[in-house]
Protein backbone atom coordinates (compact mmCIF):
# COMPACT_ATOMS: atom_id res chain seq x y z
CA MET A 1 0.00 0.00 0.00
CA SER A 2 1.33 3.36 -0.95
CA GLY A 3 -0.16 6.71 -1.68
CA TYR A 4 -2.63 9.07 -0.14
CA GLY A 5 -5.60 6.70 -0.37
CA ALA A 6 -3.72 4.04 1.55
CA HIS A 7 -2.81 6.61 4.17
CA LEU A 8 -6.48 7.52 4.65
CA ARG A 9 -7.52 3.85 4.84
CA GLY A 10 -4.88 3.27 7.50
CA GLN A 11 -6.13 6.20 9.54
CA HIS A 12 -9.71 5.01 9.22
CA LEU A 13 -8.69 1.54 10.42
CA ALA A 14 -6.87 3.05 13.41
CA LYS A 15 -9.95 5.09 14.37
CA ARG A 16 -12.13 2.01 14.03
CA CYS A 17 -9.83 0.00 16.30
CA ALA A 18 -9.88 2.77 18.91
CA LYS A 19 -13.68 2.98 18.82
CA LEU A 20 -14.01 -0.80 19.20
CA ARG A 21 -11.65 -0.73 22.18
CA ARG A 22 -13.68 2.11 23.75
CA GLU A 23 -16.73 -0.15 23.50
CA GLY A 24 -14.95 -2.57 25.82
CA LEU A 25 -13.77 -5.23 23.39
CA SER A 26 -10.56 -7.08 24.17
CA LEU A 27 -7.44 -6.67 22.04
CA SER A 28 -8.02 -10.10 20.52
CA GLU A 29 -11.59 -9.21 19.59
CA VAL A 30 -10.53 -5.89 18.06
CA ALA A 31 -7.80 -7.64 16.06
CA ARG A 32 -10.24 -10.24 14.76
CA ILE A 33 -12.89 -7.69 13.76
CA ALA A 34 -10.42 -5.26 12.18
CA GLY A 35 -8.46 -7.96 10.39
CA VAL A 36 -5.05 -7.13 11.84
CA THR A 37 -2.66 -9.16 13.98
CA LYS A 38 -2.68 -8.95 17.75
CA GLU A 39 0.78 -7.37 17.59
CA GLN A 40 -0.50 -4.51 15.39
CA VAL A 41 -3.72 -3.75 17.21
CA SER A 42 -2.30 -1.85 20.19
CA THR A 43 -0.36 0.46 17.88
CA LYS A 44 -3.47 1.03 15.78
CA ILE A 45 -5.48 1.85 18.91
CA GLN A 46 -2.90 4.39 20.08
CA LEU A 47 -2.89 6.09 16.69
CA GLY A 48 -6.67 6.00 16.53
CA GLU A 49 -7.00 7.61 19.94
CA ARG A 50 -4.74 10.45 18.84
CA LEU A 51 -6.68 10.94 15.61
CA LEU A 52 -10.03 10.86 17.39
CA SER A 53 -8.84 13.42 19.94
CA LEU A 54 -8.16 15.82 17.06
CA THR A 55 -11.63 15.47 15.58
CA GLU A 56 -13.83 15.23 18.69
CA PRO A 57 -15.45 18.41 19.97
CA ALA A 58 -13.97 19.73 23.20
C-alpha cells in the first residue's frame, strides 16, 4: 500500500480499532474484527485515539 488513499484507509482503520476498544472489546476481539494481527492492534489503537482526539469536539 502506498499513496494518499492508503494513508487515509490506515487512519480510518486506526480510528475504528480505537472505537471498538472504547466499546470494551478485548485486544483479541478488536484484532479479529479489524483484520489485523494482535501485535499490530495496540499500535493502531494508540494512533486511533490520537486521531479521534483531534476530531472530537472539546
